[in-house]
Amino acid sequence: MSDTPEQDGATVRSYRDITAGLIFLALAIAFGWESTNYEMGRPVRMGPGFIPLALALMLGALGLAVMLTGLNKHGEGDSGPVPWRGIALVGVALVLFGAFGRELGLVPVVFLCSFVTALASVRNTLSSALGISAALAVVCWVVFKLGLGISLSTIGPVFGPLQIF
């Protein structure tokens, strides 16, 4: 009798990875199914359903990869406690973006959401969270507003006279 399960013929699997992979697959199937209600278009002239379907396919591939990784892991021990702080703060950031995106504008809402998300990690300090948020807000402004020209205002109506951007 040996000490490792692999030598006894038993396989230790990462049920966390298998569960995460199944969740990814379920979400991919749901979003992929829903995207078929929209016109697909062609890669050159994409319709409103093209990007959601493409993202659903990528999420499905990621879910399959995570699930297969979990099936092939051996000797995996307990991975520790669930990071509830991180889960809660990332969820709060998503709600903040949806609730205040139009009112605050692109730069403030990206700053706010990335700040809240940066605080989800116990390794980030307040100053590093501020730096991350400022850098990400600038990058998003350059990419999405200047590069792609999205219709979301840079500074929202909440800031009144500061709406010069």
C-alpha atoms as a PDB file:
ATOM      1  CA  MET A   1       0.000   0.000   0.000  1.00  0.00           C
ATOM      2  CA  SER A   2       1.496   3.334  -1.012  1.00  0.00           C
ATOM      3  CA  ASP A   3       0.972   6.869   0.238  1.00  0.00           C
ATOM      4  CA  THR A   4      -0.089   8.460  -3.045  1.00  0.00           C
ATOM      5  CA  PRO A   5      -3.494   7.866  -4.658  1.00  0.00           C
ATOM      6  CA  GLU A   6      -1.964   7.587  -8.132  1.00  0.00           C
ATOM      7  CA  GLN A   7      -0.007   4.520  -7.110  1.00  0.00           C
ATOM      8  CA  ASP A   8      -3.127   2.849  -5.662  1.00  0.00           C
ATOM      9  CA  GLY A   9      -5.008   3.269  -8.922  1.00  0.00           C
ATOM     10  CA  ALA A  10      -7.313   5.990  -7.567  1.00  0.00           C
ATOM     11  CA  THR A  11      -7.366   9.360  -9.282  1.00  0.00           C
ATOM     12  CA  VAL A  12      -7.577  12.616  -7.369  1.00  0.00           C
ATOM     13  CA  ARG A  13      -9.401  15.236  -9.402  1.00  0.00           C
ATOM     14  CA  SER A  14      -9.850  18.938  -8.906  1.00  0.00           C
ATOM     15  CA  TYR A  15     -13.604  19.192  -8.458  1.00  0.00           C
ATOM     16  CA  ARG A  16     -13.293  22.966  -8.202  1.00  0.00           C
ATOM     17  CA  ASP A  17     -11.895  23.143 -11.734  1.00  0.00           C
ATOM     18  CA  ILE A  18     -14.465  20.686 -13.030  1.00  0.00           C
ATOM     19  CA  THR A  19     -17.293  22.737 -11.486  1.00  0.00           C
ATOM     20  CA  ALA A  20     -15.863  26.018 -12.810  1.00  0.00           C
ATOM     21  CA  GLY A  21     -15.513  24.488 -16.284  1.00  0.00           C
ATOM     22  CA  LEU A  22     -19.126  23.279 -16.209  1.00  0.00           C
ATOM     23  CA  ILE A  23     -20.322  26.732 -15.124  1.00  0.00           C
ATOM     24  CA  PHE A  24     -18.364  28.344 -17.984  1.00  0.00           C
ATOM     25  CA  LEU A  25     -19.847  25.836 -20.416  1.00  0.00           C
ATOM     26  CA  ALA A  26     -23.392  26.448 -19.155  1.00  0.00           C
ATOM     27  CA  LEU A  27     -22.974  30.221 -19.484  1.00  0.00           C
ATOM     28  CA  ALA A  28     -21.467  29.834 -22.946  1.00  0.00           C
ATOM     29  CA  ILE A  29     -24.375  27.691 -24.092  1.00  0.00           C
ATOM     30  CA  ALA A  30     -26.929  30.150 -22.667  1.00  0.00           C
ATOM     31  CA  PHE A  31     -25.293  33.213 -24.229  1.00  0.00           C
ATOM     32  CA  GLY A  32     -24.629  31.418 -27.498  1.00  0.00           C
ATOM     33  CA  TRP A  33     -28.248  30.306 -27.692  1.00  0.00           C
ATOM     34  CA  GLU A  34     -29.504  33.826 -26.966  1.00  0.00           C
ATOM     35  CA  SER A  35     -27.168  35.364 -29.556  1.00  0.00           C
ATOM     36  CA  THR A  36     -28.869  33.327 -32.283  1.00  0.00           C
ATOM     37  CA  ASN A  37     -31.918  35.590 -31.868  1.00  0.00           C
ATOM     38  CA  TYR A  38     -29.917  38.399 -33.482  1.00  0.00           C
ATOM     39  CA  GLU A  39     -28.640  38.783 -37.011  1.00  0.00           C
ATOM     40  CA  MET A  40     -25.122  37.355 -37.356  1.00  0.00           C
ATOM     41  CA  GLY A  41     -23.851  39.207 -40.389  1.00  0.00           C
ATOM     42  CA  ARG A  42     -20.408  38.395 -41.784  1.00  0.00           C
ATOM     43  CA  PRO A  43     -16.942  38.936 -40.339  1.00  0.00           C
ATOM     44  CA  VAL A  44     -16.516  41.965 -42.605  1.00  0.00           C
ATOM     45  CA  ARG A  45     -19.941  43.406 -41.729  1.00  0.00           C
ATOM     46  CA  MET A  46     -20.846  42.019 -38.319  1.00  0.00           C
ATOM     47  CA  GLY A  47     -24.408  41.933 -37.102  1.00  0.00           C
ATOM     48  CA  PRO A  48     -25.491  42.410 -33.459  1.00  0.00           C
ATOM     49  CA  GLY A  49     -25.279  38.667 -32.752  1.00  0.00           C
ATOM     50  CA  PHE A  50     -21.780  38.088 -34.119  1.00  0.00           C
ATOM     51  CA  ILE A  51     -19.690  39.270 -31.141  1.00  0.00           C
ATOM     52  CA  PRO A  52     -21.875  37.606 -28.463  1.00  0.00           C
ATOM     53  CA  LEU A  53     -21.666  34.305 -30.346  1.00  0.00           C
ATOM     54  CA  ALA A  54     -17.903  34.622 -30.798  1.00  0.00           C
ATOM     55  CA  LEU A  55     -17.451  35.396 -27.086  1.00  0.00           C
ATOM     56  CA  ALA A  56     -19.731  32.492 -26.155  1.00  0.00           C
ATOM     57  CA  LEU A  57     -17.621  30.136 -28.279  1.00  0.00           C
ATOM     58  CA  MET A  58     -14.434  31.392 -26.596  1.00  0.00           C
ATOM     59  CA  LEU A  59     -16.007  31.024 -23.144  1.00  0.00           C
ATOM     60  CA  GLY A  60     -17.082  27.494 -24.052  1.00  0.00           C
ATOM     61  CA  ALA A  61     -13.552  26.611 -25.162  1.00  0.00           C
ATOM     62  CA  LEU A  62     -12.164  28.068 -21.923  1.00  0.00           C
ATOM     63  CA  GLY A  63     -14.727  26.108 -19.898  1.00  0.00           C
ATOM     64  CA  LEU A  64     -13.824  22.900 -21.689  1.00  0.00           C
ATOM     65  CA  ALA A  65     -10.100  23.531 -21.087  1.00  0.00           C
ATOM     66  CA  VAL A  66     -10.644  24.249 -17.383  1.00  0.00           C
ATOM     67  CA  MET A  67     -12.830  21.168 -16.998  1.00  0.00           C
ATOM     68  CA  LEU A  68     -10.311  18.902 -18.752  1.00  0.00           C
ATOM     69  CA  THR A  69      -7.508  20.339 -16.631  1.00  0.00           C
ATOM     70  CA  GLY A  70      -9.532  19.483 -13.523  1.00  0.00           C
ATOM     71  CA  LEU A  71     -10.052  15.930 -14.763  1.00  0.00           C
ATOM     72  CA  ASN A  72      -6.322  15.463 -15.334  1.00  0.00           C
ATOM     73  CA  LYS A  73      -4.985  16.988 -12.102  1.00  0.00           C
ATOM     74  CA  HIS A  74      -3.377  14.548  -9.719  1.00  0.00           C
ATOM     75  CA  GLY A  75      -2.435  15.005  -6.084  1.00  0.00           C
ATOM     76  CA  GLU A  76      -4.348  18.273  -5.731  1.00  0.00           C
ATOM     77  CA  GLY A  77      -4.892  19.281  -2.101  1.00  0.00           C
ATOM     78  CA  ASP A  78      -7.293  21.714  -0.500  1.00  0.00           C
ATOM     79  CA  SER A  79      -6.928  25.103  -2.179  1.00  0.00           C
ATOM     80  CA  GLY A  80      -7.870  27.144   0.886  1.00  0.00           C
ATOM     81  CA  PRO A  81     -10.786  29.341   1.833  1.00  0.00           C
ATOM     82  CA  VAL A  82     -13.119  31.008  -0.648  1.00  0.00           C
ATOM     83  CA  PRO A  83     -12.054  34.655  -1.245  1.00  0.00           C
ATOM     84  CA  TRP A  84     -15.414  36.231  -0.329  1.00  0.00           C
ATOM     85  CA  ARG A  85     -13.983  39.764  -0.232  1.00  0.00           C
ATOM     86  CA  GLY A  86     -12.834  39.504  -3.824  1.00  0.00           C
ATOM     87  CA  ILE A  87     -16.065  37.937  -5.031  1.00  0.00           C
ATOM     88  CA  ALA A  88     -18.163  40.614  -3.315  1.00  0.00           C
ATOM     89  CA  LEU A  89     -16.088  43.594  -4.495  1.00  0.00           C
ATOM     90  CA  VAL A  90     -15.938  42.406  -8.113  1.00  0.00           C
ATOM     91  CA  GLY A  91     -19.723  42.009  -8.023  1.00  0.00           C
ATOM     92  CA  VAL A  92     -20.096  45.502  -6.540  1.00  0.00           C
ATOM     93  CA  ALA A  93     -17.883  46.930  -9.303  1.00  0.00           C
ATOM     94  CA  LEU A  94     -20.067  45.342 -11.988  1.00  0.00           C
ATOM     95  CA  VAL A  95     -23.216  46.778 -10.429  1.00  0.00           C
ATOM     96  CA  LEU A  96     -21.577  50.221 -10.114  1.00  0.00           C
ATOM     97  CA  PHE A  97     -20.619  50.204 -13.783  1.00  0.00           C
ATOM     98  CA  GLY A  98     -24.121  49.286 -14.870  1.00  0.00           C
ATOM     99  CA  ALA A  99     -25.820  51.707 -12.507  1.00  0.00           C
ATOM    100  CA  PHE A 100     -23.610  54.763 -12.967  1.00  0.00           C
ATOM    101  CA  GLY A 101     -21.930  54.377 -16.376  1.00  0.00           C
ATOM    102  CA  ARG A 102     -24.033  56.981 -18.182  1.00  0.00           C
ATOM    103  CA  GLU A 103     -24.294  59.409 -15.259  1.00  0.00           C
ATOM    104  CA  LEU A 104     -20.590  59.475 -14.376  1.00  0.00           C
ATOM    105  CA  GLY A 105     -19.123  58.993 -17.841  1.00  0.00           C
ATOM    106  CA  LEU A 106     -16.378  56.696 -19.089  1.00  0.00           C
ATOM    107  CA  VAL A 107     -13.343  57.966 -17.177  1.00  0.00           C
ATOM    108  CA  PRO A 108     -14.931  58.330 -13.707  1.00  0.00           C
ATOM    109  CA  VAL A 109     -16.848  55.042 -13.858  1.00  0.00           C
ATOM    110  CA  VAL A 110     -13.791  53.089 -15.041  1.00  0.00           C
ATOM    111  CA  PHE A 111     -11.737  54.721 -12.283  1.00  0.00           C
ATOM    112  CA  LEU A 112     -14.369  53.900  -9.653  1.00  0.00           C
ATOM    113  CA  CYS A 113     -14.923  50.310 -10.780  1.00  0.00           C
ATOM    114  CA  SER A 114     -11.235  49.492 -11.179  1.00  0.00           C
ATOM    115  CA  PHE A 115     -10.543  51.047  -7.748  1.00  0.00           C
ATOM    116  CA  VAL A 116     -13.185  48.855  -6.094  1.00  0.00           C
ATOM    117  CA  THR A 117     -11.908  45.810  -7.983  1.00  0.00           C
ATOM    118  CA  ALA A 118      -8.275  46.556  -7.070  1.00  0.00           C
ATOM    119  CA  LEU A 119      -9.295  46.598  -3.406  1.00  0.00           C
ATOM    120  CA  ALA A 120     -10.586  43.044  -3.829  1.00  0.00           C
ATOM    121  CA  SER A 121      -7.008  41.821  -3.543  1.00  0.00           C
ATOM    122  CA  VAL A 122      -5.500  41.871  -0.076  1.00  0.00           C
ATOM    123  CA  ARG A 123      -2.102  42.475  -1.708  1.00  0.00           C
ATOM    124  CA  ASN A 124      -3.042  45.903  -3.101  1.00  0.00           C
ATOM    125  CA  THR A 125      -2.510  48.986  -0.999  1.00  0.00           C
ATOM    126  CA  LEU A 126      -4.654  52.096  -1.253  1.00  0.00           C
ATOM    127  CA  SER A 127      -1.967  53.892  -3.265  1.00  0.00           C
ATOM    128  CA  SER A 128      -1.488  50.990  -5.670  1.00  0.00           C
ATOM    129  CA  ALA A 129      -5.269  50.751  -6.163  1.00  0.00           C
ATOM    130  CA  LEU A 130      -5.374  54.481  -6.981  1.00  0.00           C
ATOM    131  CA  GLY A 131      -2.484  54.091  -9.444  1.00  0.00           C
ATOM    132  CA  ILE A 132      -4.029  51.074 -11.133  1.00  0.00           C
ATOM    133  CA  SER A 133      -7.358  52.888 -11.409  1.00  0.00           C
ATOM    134  CA  ALA A 134      -5.864  56.069 -12.854  1.00  0.00           C
ATOM    135  CA  ALA A 135      -3.817  54.155 -15.421  1.00  0.00           C
ATOM    136  CA  LEU A 136      -6.753  51.994 -16.465  1.00  0.00           C
ATOM    137  CA  ALA A 137      -9.065  55.004 -16.780  1.00  0.00           C
ATOM    138  CA  VAL A 138      -6.566  56.725 -19.098  1.00  0.00           C
ATOM    139  CA  VAL A 139      -6.036  53.579 -21.179  1.00  0.00           C
ATOM    140  CA  CYS A 140      -9.808  53.062 -21.533  1.00  0.00           C
ATOM    141  CA  TRP A 141     -10.273  56.703 -22.550  1.00  0.00           C
ATOM    142  CA  VAL A 142      -7.576  56.413 -25.221  1.00  0.00           C
ATOM    143  CA  VAL A 143      -8.768  53.063 -26.569  1.00  0.00           C
ATOM    144  CA  PHE A 144     -12.529  53.402 -26.364  1.00  0.00           C
ATOM    145  CA  LYS A 145     -13.151  57.115 -26.735  1.00  0.00           C
ATOM    146  CA  LEU A 146     -10.307  58.260 -28.985  1.00  0.00           C
ATOM    147  CA  GLY A 147      -9.620  54.983 -30.796  1.00  0.00           C
ATOM    148  CA  LEU A 148     -13.078  53.462 -31.210  1.00  0.00           C
ATOM    149  CA  GLY A 149     -15.224  56.553 -30.670  1.00  0.00           C
ATOM    150  CA  ILE A 150     -17.869  54.951 -28.447  1.00  0.00           C
ATOM    151  CA  SER A 151     -20.900  57.074 -27.603  1.00  0.00           C
ATOM    152  CA  LEU A 152     -20.455  57.007 -23.809  1.00  0.00           C
ATOM    153  CA  SER A 153     -19.496  60.494 -22.622  1.00  0.00           C
ATOM    154  CA  THR A 154     -16.010  60.965 -21.188  1.00  0.00           C
ATOM    155  CA  ILE A 155     -17.300  62.974 -18.232  1.00  0.00           C
ATOM    156  CA  GLY A 156     -20.968  62.426 -17.397  1.00  0.00           C
ATOM    157  CA  PRO A 157     -23.812  64.840 -16.702  1.00  0.00           C
ATOM    158  CA  VAL A 158     -23.299  64.512 -12.933  1.00  0.00           C
ATOM    159  CA  PHE A 159     -20.202  66.699 -13.232  1.00  0.00           C
ATOM    160  CA  GLY A 160     -22.043  69.573 -14.950  1.00  0.00           C
ATOM    161  CA  PRO A 161     -19.531  72.206 -16.124  1.00  0.00           C
ATOM    162  CA  LEU A 162     -16.694  69.660 -16.334  1.00  0.00           C
ATOM    163  CA  GLN A 163     -18.310  68.089 -19.408  1.00  0.00           C
ATOM    164  CA  ILE A 164     -15.875  69.837 -21.749  1.00  0.00           C
ATOM    165  CA  PHE A 165     -14.341  66.513 -22.797  1.00  0.00           C
END
